[in-house]
């Protein structure tokens, strides 16, 4: 790999990590290690790259034994995935136990596996068999881990698209779709009982791509000097990702049964290139989005609804993946090219504005019109490897966000 290209990137990472940051805050950044490509370096070659970045959390979309063996004794913490196609199968306890014994048990404890995601964005799919099997499959995998004495070491969860929401603005009015609520409520009870997080895939990029004339670029890039007020809570939002996460928090509270469940961002990112009709897919915007995101997470900042809880985020993705179908942007989400060179510079990213939840903090700048609006598209998200990262636009919501 072209390690000499990393010097500016490393200087940036040193700059965004405050000396006062806690270990938990610094470790809150993870990265998605997708492998839909035929030109990626070996897992062994990825290890020094991750170490140079200071990233200690990795999310896989499968249980690739080459990766899990390569990372043995490294201390890197993994979230691994059980593929969508296996969800109906592993609802059978015997099948779940066999899967755990084959795919997880051989790698523990030398490789740190902290969680298993059972499927990816299943509840926003059109596969009724998978939807109905999701919670039973999660329960069976958890029981299998308990049988092997691993249930306290490995959590069981699943990742969701924002398309599971019927309402996302204002964030305090966030609510799940009626058709998924019968599945979400018992799932939340399971997560609460087992101490597992609720994972959400959130991409402000898709809101901008869908309506670049009305969605303010600075708002989605964590650079806005204007704020959006939630009329229900009075909280002020200066970036779309926080608004999306808090909408999920509100939806969980409204659904009940999710007491104490932590919300984590399992995917978010920005493409460095795209087709001609893909607004905003540039290296400059990708550098600003991911750079500002990483700085914010390293500082241990929470969202306006939960300012004291550092937000855990997995950036999508480690590498550009050349075999992904769909628009050009799908093949340009990587922080790095396959040879290890940064896909774009992060050092020019600007500092985000203050994230205070004070009613008087973060007011819009002089001259900002109270009649300006954002149109947010809250459901466009990326799919996981099992569905080859197809972009879904199901249940796209055009929601008006008035300025403060």
Protein backbone atom coordinates (compact mmCIF):
# COMPACT_ATOMS: atom_id res chain seq x y z
CA UNK A 1 0.00 0.00 0.00
CA UNK A 2 1.06 3.57 -0.63
CA UNK A 3 1.73 4.41 3.02
CA UNK A 4 3.47 7.70 2.21
CA UNK A 5 0.11 9.05 1.04
CA UNK A 6 -1.18 8.68 4.60
CA UNK A 7 0.92 11.44 6.16
CA UNK A 8 -1.59 14.29 5.57
CA UNK A 9 -4.39 12.01 6.68
CA UNK A 10 -2.62 11.10 9.91
CA UNK A 11 -1.86 14.73 10.68
CA UNK A 12 -5.56 15.44 10.28
CA UNK A 13 -6.52 12.63 12.64
CA UNK A 14 -4.10 13.94 15.26
CA UNK A 15 -5.61 17.37 14.89
CA UNK A 16 -9.21 16.21 15.37
CA UNK A 17 -8.51 14.10 18.45
CA UNK A 18 -8.55 16.41 21.49
CA UNK A 19 -6.10 15.56 24.24
CA UNK A 20 -8.92 15.62 26.75
CA UNK A 21 -11.05 13.12 24.84
CA UNK A 22 -11.91 10.00 26.78
CA UNK A 23 -10.94 6.60 25.51
CA UNK A 24 -14.60 5.79 24.95
CA UNK A 25 -15.07 8.91 22.86
CA UNK A 26 -12.01 8.20 20.76
CA UNK A 27 -13.14 4.62 20.23
CA UNK A 28 -16.62 5.71 19.18
CA UNK A 29 -15.54 5.89 15.52
CA UNK A 30 -15.61 2.65 13.62
CA UNK A 31 -15.47 1.79 9.94
CA UNK A 32 -17.37 -0.51 7.59
CA UNK A 33 -15.05 -2.95 5.85
CA UNK A 34 -16.94 -3.87 2.69
CA UNK A 35 -15.44 -6.27 0.18
CA UNK A 36 -17.54 -6.05 -2.99
CA UNK A 37 -14.40 -5.70 -5.10
CA UNK A 38 -11.73 -7.75 -6.83
CA UNK A 39 -8.75 -5.48 -6.17
CA UNK A 40 -8.60 -5.02 -2.40
CA UNK A 41 -5.49 -5.67 -0.32
CA UNK A 42 -5.29 -8.75 1.84
CA UNK A 43 -6.78 -8.56 5.36
CA UNK A 44 -3.24 -8.74 6.75
CA UNK A 45 -2.34 -5.59 4.80
CA UNK A 46 -5.39 -3.79 6.22
CA UNK A 47 -4.21 -4.17 9.82
CA UNK A 48 -1.40 -1.55 9.72
CA UNK A 49 -3.71 0.81 7.83
CA UNK A 50 -6.33 0.65 10.57
CA UNK A 51 -3.67 1.03 13.23
CA UNK A 52 -2.32 4.13 11.53
CA UNK A 53 -5.83 5.58 11.60
CA UNK A 54 -6.36 4.78 15.24
CA UNK A 55 -9.59 2.94 14.37
CA UNK A 56 -10.31 0.06 16.72
CA UNK A 57 -13.81 -0.87 15.60
CA UNK A 58 -14.65 -2.63 12.33
CA UNK A 59 -18.00 -3.72 10.93
CA UNK A 60 -18.21 -6.60 8.45
CA UNK A 61 -21.22 -7.70 6.44
CA UNK A 62 -20.38 -11.36 6.89
CA UNK A 63 -18.05 -13.57 8.92
CA UNK A 64 -15.22 -13.84 6.39
CA UNK A 65 -12.82 -16.28 8.10
CA UNK A 66 -9.82 -14.74 6.30
CA UNK A 67 -10.52 -11.41 7.96
CA UNK A 68 -11.35 -12.80 11.38
CA UNK A 69 -8.23 -14.99 11.42
CA UNK A 70 -6.01 -12.12 10.26
CA UNK A 71 -7.22 -9.88 13.09
CA UNK A 72 -6.65 -12.43 15.85
CA UNK A 73 -4.78 -10.94 18.83
CA UNK A 74 -4.92 -7.41 17.38
CA UNK A 75 -7.50 -6.08 19.84
CA UNK A 76 -9.67 -4.73 17.02
CA UNK A 77 -13.36 -5.04 17.90
CA UNK A 78 -15.66 -6.51 15.25
CA UNK A 79 -19.34 -6.36 14.47
CA UNK A 80 -20.04 -9.21 12.06
CA UNK A 81 -23.08 -9.96 9.93
CA UNK A 82 -25.38 -12.89 9.39
CA UNK A 83 -26.55 -12.60 5.75
CA UNK A 84 -30.15 -11.78 4.91
CA UNK A 85 -30.67 -15.05 3.07
CA UNK A 86 -29.97 -17.00 6.29
CA UNK A 87 -32.43 -15.09 8.49
CA UNK A 88 -35.39 -17.48 7.93
CA UNK A 89 -33.11 -20.48 8.36
CA UNK A 90 -31.56 -19.54 11.70
CA UNK A 91 -34.91 -18.94 13.37
CA UNK A 92 -34.53 -22.68 13.97
CA UNK A 93 -32.47 -22.97 17.18
CA UNK A 94 -30.48 -25.93 15.85
CA UNK A 95 -29.54 -24.02 12.70
CA UNK A 96 -28.59 -20.97 14.76
CA UNK A 97 -26.36 -23.05 17.02
CA UNK A 98 -24.68 -24.62 14.01
CA UNK A 99 -24.07 -21.19 12.47
CA UNK A 100 -22.56 -19.82 15.67
CA UNK A 101 -20.34 -22.86 16.12
CA UNK A 102 -19.11 -22.62 12.53
CA UNK A 103 -18.75 -18.88 12.05
CA UNK A 104 -18.08 -17.34 15.46
CA UNK A 105 -16.87 -19.84 18.00
CA UNK A 106 -13.63 -20.79 16.19
CA UNK A 107 -12.46 -17.17 16.24
CA UNK A 108 -13.21 -16.38 19.88
CA UNK A 109 -11.65 -15.11 22.03
CA UNK A 110 -8.54 -14.33 19.96
CA UNK A 111 -10.56 -12.17 17.60
CA UNK A 112 -12.80 -9.71 19.46
CA UNK A 113 -16.35 -10.09 18.19
CA UNK A 114 -18.63 -7.72 20.07
CA UNK A 115 -21.86 -8.13 18.12
CA UNK A 116 -23.69 -9.96 15.36
CA UNK A 117 -26.10 -8.15 13.06
CA UNK A 118 -28.84 -10.53 12.00
CA UNK A 119 -29.63 -9.32 8.49
CA UNK A 120 -29.42 -5.76 7.23
CA UNK A 121 -32.40 -3.41 6.81
CA UNK A 122 -34.77 -6.38 6.89
CA UNK A 123 -37.78 -4.44 8.21
CA UNK A 124 -37.71 -2.04 5.26
CA UNK A 125 -37.47 -4.85 2.71
CA UNK A 126 -40.34 -6.44 0.80
CA UNK A 127 -39.52 -9.95 1.99
CA UNK A 128 -42.29 -10.96 4.37
CA UNK A 129 -40.59 -14.24 5.29
CA UNK A 130 -37.47 -12.40 6.42
CA UNK A 131 -39.45 -9.75 8.26
CA UNK A 132 -41.44 -12.35 10.18
CA UNK A 133 -38.30 -14.38 10.88
CA UNK A 134 -36.13 -11.49 12.07
CA UNK A 135 -36.86 -11.47 15.80
CA UNK A 136 -37.10 -15.29 16.11
CA UNK A 137 -33.74 -15.50 14.32
CA UNK A 138 -32.18 -12.96 16.69
CA UNK A 139 -33.56 -14.86 19.67
CA UNK A 140 -32.21 -18.16 18.34
CA UNK A 141 -28.74 -16.70 17.73
CA UNK A 142 -28.75 -15.21 21.23
CA UNK A 143 -29.78 -18.56 22.70
CA UNK A 144 -27.01 -20.29 20.75
CA UNK A 145 -24.48 -17.85 22.16
CA UNK A 146 -25.85 -18.48 25.65
CA UNK A 147 -25.50 -22.22 25.16
CA UNK A 148 -21.80 -21.69 24.42
CA UNK A 149 -21.36 -19.19 27.25
CA UNK A 150 -20.82 -16.29 24.83
CA UNK A 151 -24.00 -14.27 25.30
CA UNK A 152 -22.34 -11.72 27.60
CA UNK A 153 -19.47 -11.31 25.17
CA UNK A 154 -21.36 -11.06 21.87
CA UNK A 155 -24.49 -8.94 21.47
CA UNK A 156 -27.19 -9.69 18.92
CA UNK A 157 -28.84 -6.89 16.96
CA UNK A 158 -29.79 -5.83 13.43
CA UNK A 159 -29.35 -2.67 11.32
CA UNK A 160 -32.25 -0.57 10.05
CA UNK A 161 -32.88 1.86 7.24
CA UNK A 162 -34.46 5.20 8.06
CA UNK A 163 -37.31 3.96 5.90
CA UNK A 164 -38.70 2.27 9.04
CA UNK A 165 -39.85 5.74 10.12
CA UNK A 166 -43.14 7.28 9.07
CA UNK A 167 -42.23 10.66 10.59
CA UNK A 168 -38.78 12.14 11.08
CA UNK A 169 -39.50 15.85 11.55
CA UNK A 170 -39.58 17.37 13.96
CA UNK A 171 -37.20 14.87 15.57
CA UNK A 172 -39.29 14.85 18.75
CA UNK A 173 -42.24 13.54 16.68
CA UNK A 174 -40.27 10.65 15.20
CA UNK A 175 -42.42 7.54 14.78
CA UNK A 176 -42.14 4.11 13.23
CA UNK A 177 -44.33 3.12 10.30
CA UNK A 178 -47.52 1.39 11.36
CA UNK A 179 -46.77 -1.69 9.28
CA UNK A 180 -43.39 -2.27 10.98
CA UNK A 181 -44.45 -1.31 14.51
CA UNK A 182 -45.74 -4.83 15.35
CA UNK A 183 -42.23 -6.10 14.61
CA UNK A 184 -40.29 -3.19 16.10
CA UNK A 185 -41.92 -3.18 19.53
CA UNK A 186 -40.97 -6.76 20.51
CA UNK A 187 -37.57 -6.27 18.88
CA UNK A 188 -36.97 -3.26 21.15
CA UNK A 189 -37.92 -5.35 24.16
CA UNK A 190 -35.35 -7.94 23.10
CA UNK A 191 -32.64 -5.29 22.70
CA UNK A 192 -33.49 -3.79 26.09
CA UNK A 193 -33.42 -7.17 27.81
CA UNK A 194 -30.10 -8.20 26.25
CA UNK A 195 -28.40 -4.79 26.44
CA UNK A 196 -27.92 -4.60 22.69
CA UNK A 197 -27.89 -1.37 20.62
CA UNK A 198 -30.38 -0.24 17.99
CA UNK A 199 -28.45 0.29 14.74
CA UNK A 200 -29.46 2.82 12.10
CA UNK A 201 -28.04 3.45 8.63
CA UNK A 202 -28.32 7.19 8.04
CA UNK A 203 -27.17 9.08 4.93
CA UNK A 204 -27.78 12.85 4.79
CA UNK A 205 -26.10 12.67 1.36
CA UNK A 206 -29.25 11.19 -0.15
CA UNK A 207 -31.35 14.10 1.07
CA UNK A 208 -29.01 16.51 -0.68
CA UNK A 209 -28.81 14.38 -3.82
CA UNK A 210 -32.59 14.23 -4.07
CA UNK A 211 -33.16 18.00 -3.77
CA UNK A 212 -29.92 20.01 -3.88
CA UNK A 213 -31.76 23.28 -4.49
CA UNK A 214 -33.67 23.11 -1.23
CA UNK A 215 -31.41 21.11 1.08
CA UNK A 216 -28.65 23.33 2.43
CA UNK A 217 -25.27 21.71 1.78
CA UNK A 218 -23.69 23.18 4.91
CA UNK A 219 -26.44 21.63 7.03
CA UNK A 220 -25.69 18.12 5.80
CA UNK A 221 -21.89 18.67 5.99
CA UNK A 222 -21.87 19.70 9.69
CA UNK A 223 -20.88 23.25 8.73
CA UNK A 224 -24.09 25.23 9.11
CA UNK A 225 -24.07 28.51 11.05
CA UNK A 226 -27.85 28.32 11.09
CA UNK A 227 -30.03 26.06 13.21
CA UNK A 228 -33.34 24.28 12.83
CA UNK A 229 -35.58 24.37 15.88
CA UNK A 230 -37.68 21.39 16.91
CA UNK A 231 -40.99 23.05 17.83
CA UNK A 232 -41.91 20.12 20.04
CA UNK A 233 -38.79 20.07 22.20
CA UNK A 234 -37.22 23.47 21.57
CA UNK A 235 -33.92 21.76 20.74
CA UNK A 236 -31.75 23.26 18.03
CA UNK A 237 -30.15 21.22 15.25
CA UNK A 238 -27.20 22.36 13.17
CA UNK A 239 -26.80 19.16 11.17
CA UNK A 240 -29.07 16.58 9.59
CA UNK A 241 -27.43 13.46 11.00
CA UNK A 242 -28.22 14.49 14.57
CA UNK A 243 -31.81 15.22 13.58
CA UNK A 244 -32.12 11.78 12.00
CA UNK A 245 -30.67 10.00 15.04
CA UNK A 246 -32.93 11.89 17.43
CA UNK A 247 -35.96 11.08 15.29
CA UNK A 248 -35.09 7.41 15.82
CA UNK A 249 -34.73 8.01 19.57
CA UNK A 250 -38.16 9.61 19.68
CA UNK A 251 -39.65 6.76 17.67
CA UNK A 252 -38.19 4.21 20.08
CA UNK A 253 -39.63 6.10 23.06
CA UNK A 254 -43.05 6.31 21.38
CA UNK A 255 -43.01 2.58 20.59
CA UNK A 256 -42.31 1.61 24.17
CA UNK A 257 -40.33 -1.42 25.29
CA UNK A 258 -37.00 0.15 24.41
CA UNK A 259 -35.96 1.49 27.79
CA UNK A 260 -32.23 2.08 27.94
CA UNK A 261 -31.61 1.04 24.33
CA UNK A 262 -28.66 2.89 22.81
CA UNK A 263 -28.90 4.19 19.24
CA UNK A 264 -25.77 3.79 17.13
CA UNK A 265 -25.11 4.81 13.54
CA UNK A 266 -24.06 1.62 11.78
CA UNK A 267 -23.53 3.33 8.41
CA UNK A 268 -23.03 6.88 7.24
CA UNK A 269 -20.76 8.42 4.64
CA UNK A 270 -20.43 10.50 1.50
CA UNK A 271 -19.26 9.51 -2.00
CA UNK A 272 -16.21 11.19 -3.51
CA UNK A 273 -17.47 10.77 -7.09
CA UNK A 274 -20.67 9.97 -8.93
CA UNK A 275 -22.60 10.21 -12.16
CA UNK A 276 -23.41 13.58 -13.71
CA UNK A 277 -26.87 13.59 -12.15
CA UNK A 278 -25.59 12.79 -8.64
CA UNK A 279 -25.41 16.21 -7.05
CA UNK A 280 -22.83 16.70 -4.34
CA UNK A 281 -20.81 13.53 -5.00
CA UNK A 282 -17.38 15.18 -4.94
CA UNK A 283 -14.10 14.60 -3.18
CA UNK A 284 -14.36 18.00 -1.49
CA UNK A 285 -17.78 17.28 0.00
CA UNK A 286 -16.75 13.77 1.04
CA UNK A 287 -13.71 15.20 2.81
CA UNK A 288 -15.81 17.75 4.63
CA UNK A 289 -18.56 15.31 5.62
CA UNK A 290 -16.32 12.56 6.92
CA UNK A 291 -13.72 14.93 8.34
CA UNK A 292 -16.26 16.94 10.31
CA UNK A 293 -18.06 13.76 11.34
CA UNK A 294 -14.86 12.18 12.67
CA UNK A 295 -13.93 15.36 14.53
CA UNK A 296 -17.35 15.58 16.13
CA UNK A 297 -17.30 11.95 17.25
CA UNK A 298 -13.72 12.24 18.55
CA UNK A 299 -14.81 15.19 20.69
CA UNK A 300 -17.38 12.94 22.35
CA UNK A 301 -20.39 15.02 21.32
CA UNK A 302 -23.86 13.64 21.60
CA UNK A 303 -27.02 14.77 19.86
CA UNK A 304 -29.28 17.56 21.15
CA UNK A 305 -31.66 14.97 22.59
CA UNK A 306 -28.84 13.09 24.35
CA UNK A 307 -25.92 15.54 24.71
CA UNK A 308 -24.22 13.50 27.43
CA UNK A 309 -24.09 10.28 25.40
CA UNK A 310 -21.23 10.23 22.85
CA UNK A 311 -22.56 9.05 19.51
CA UNK A 312 -21.03 5.83 18.19
CA UNK A 313 -20.64 5.87 14.41
CA UNK A 314 -19.38 3.49 11.75
CA UNK A 315 -18.18 5.35 8.65
CA UNK A 316 -18.99 3.82 5.31
CA UNK A 317 -16.55 2.69 4.05
CA UNK A 318 -12.90 1.70 4.28
CA UNK A 319 -12.26 1.18 0.54
CA UNK A 320 -13.80 2.09 -2.78
CA UNK A 321 -15.43 -1.14 -4.00
CA UNK A 322 -15.26 -1.55 -7.76
CA UNK A 323 -17.82 -4.34 -8.19
CA UNK A 324 -20.81 -2.60 -6.69
CA UNK A 325 -23.69 -2.17 -9.13
CA UNK A 326 -25.81 0.93 -9.42
CA UNK A 327 -24.78 4.57 -9.88
CA UNK A 328 -21.11 5.55 -9.88
CA UNK A 329 -21.36 6.90 -6.34
CA UNK A 330 -21.77 3.33 -5.05
CA UNK A 331 -18.19 2.61 -6.03
CA UNK A 332 -16.75 5.73 -4.40
CA UNK A 333 -17.65 5.67 -0.72
CA UNK A 334 -14.20 4.58 0.45
CA UNK A 335 -11.86 6.66 2.55
CA UNK A 336 -9.13 4.81 0.67
CA UNK A 337 -8.36 3.49 -2.75
CA UNK A 338 -7.45 -0.20 -2.97
CA UNK A 339 -3.71 0.66 -2.99
CA UNK A 340 -4.00 2.33 0.41
CA UNK A 341 -3.83 5.92 -0.86
CA UNK A 342 -6.48 8.25 0.60
CA UNK A 343 -9.35 8.73 -1.84
CA UNK A 344 -9.40 12.44 -0.95
CA UNK A 345 -7.89 14.80 1.65
CA UNK A 346 -9.65 15.21 4.97
CA UNK A 347 -7.42 17.98 6.26
CA UNK A 348 -9.50 20.79 4.76
CA UNK A 349 -12.60 19.86 6.71
CA UNK A 350 -13.97 22.75 8.71
CA UNK A 351 -14.85 22.63 12.38
CA UNK A 352 -18.54 22.11 13.11
CA UNK A 353 -20.49 24.76 14.95
CA UNK A 354 -21.38 24.50 18.63
CA UNK A 355 -23.80 21.65 19.37
CA UNK A 356 -25.30 23.16 22.49
CA UNK A 357 -28.93 22.42 23.29
CA UNK A 358 -29.38 25.73 25.09
CA UNK A 359 -32.48 27.58 23.85
CA UNK A 360 -30.32 30.63 23.14
CA UNK A 361 -27.35 28.86 21.60
CA UNK A 362 -26.67 28.33 17.92
CA UNK A 363 -29.03 30.99 16.65
CA UNK A 364 -29.03 31.59 12.93
CA UNK A 365 -26.63 34.13 11.57
CA UNK A 366 -27.65 37.73 10.96
CA UNK A 367 -29.56 38.07 7.73
CA UNK A 368 -30.82 34.49 7.64
CA UNK A 369 -34.45 34.50 6.54
CA UNK A 370 -37.06 32.83 8.71
CA UNK A 371 -38.84 31.81 5.51
CA UNK A 372 -36.01 29.58 4.29
CA UNK A 373 -36.75 25.86 4.23
CA UNK A 374 -35.04 22.52 4.03
CA UNK A 375 -36.70 19.61 2.30
CA UNK A 376 -35.38 16.43 3.90
CA UNK A 377 -35.54 13.02 2.36
CA UNK A 378 -35.36 10.81 5.40
CA UNK A 379 -35.54 7.30 4.03
CA UNK A 380 -32.94 7.05 1.26
CA UNK A 381 -30.27 4.75 2.66
CA UNK A 382 -27.64 2.27 1.58
CA UNK A 383 -28.22 -1.45 1.69
CA UNK A 384 -25.68 -3.93 2.97
CA UNK A 385 -23.47 -6.37 1.12
CA UNK A 386 -26.12 -9.09 1.01
CA UNK A 387 -28.18 -6.85 -1.26
CA UNK A 388 -25.04 -5.53 -2.94
CA UNK A 389 -25.51 -2.00 -1.61
CA UNK A 390 -28.57 -1.19 -3.69
CA UNK A 391 -29.88 2.27 -2.85
CA UNK A 392 -33.51 2.23 -1.79
CA UNK A 393 -35.86 5.16 -2.04
CA UNK A 394 -38.85 3.49 -0.42
CA UNK A 395 -41.13 5.71 1.59
CA UNK A 396 -39.36 8.95 0.68
CA UNK A 397 -40.71 11.76 2.81
CA UNK A 398 -40.73 15.40 1.81
CA UNK A 399 -40.64 17.15 5.16
CA UNK A 400 -40.33 20.87 5.76
CA UNK A 401 -37.78 22.06 8.31
CA UNK A 402 -38.21 25.80 9.08
CA UNK A 403 -35.23 27.81 10.25
CA UNK A 404 -35.12 29.08 13.79
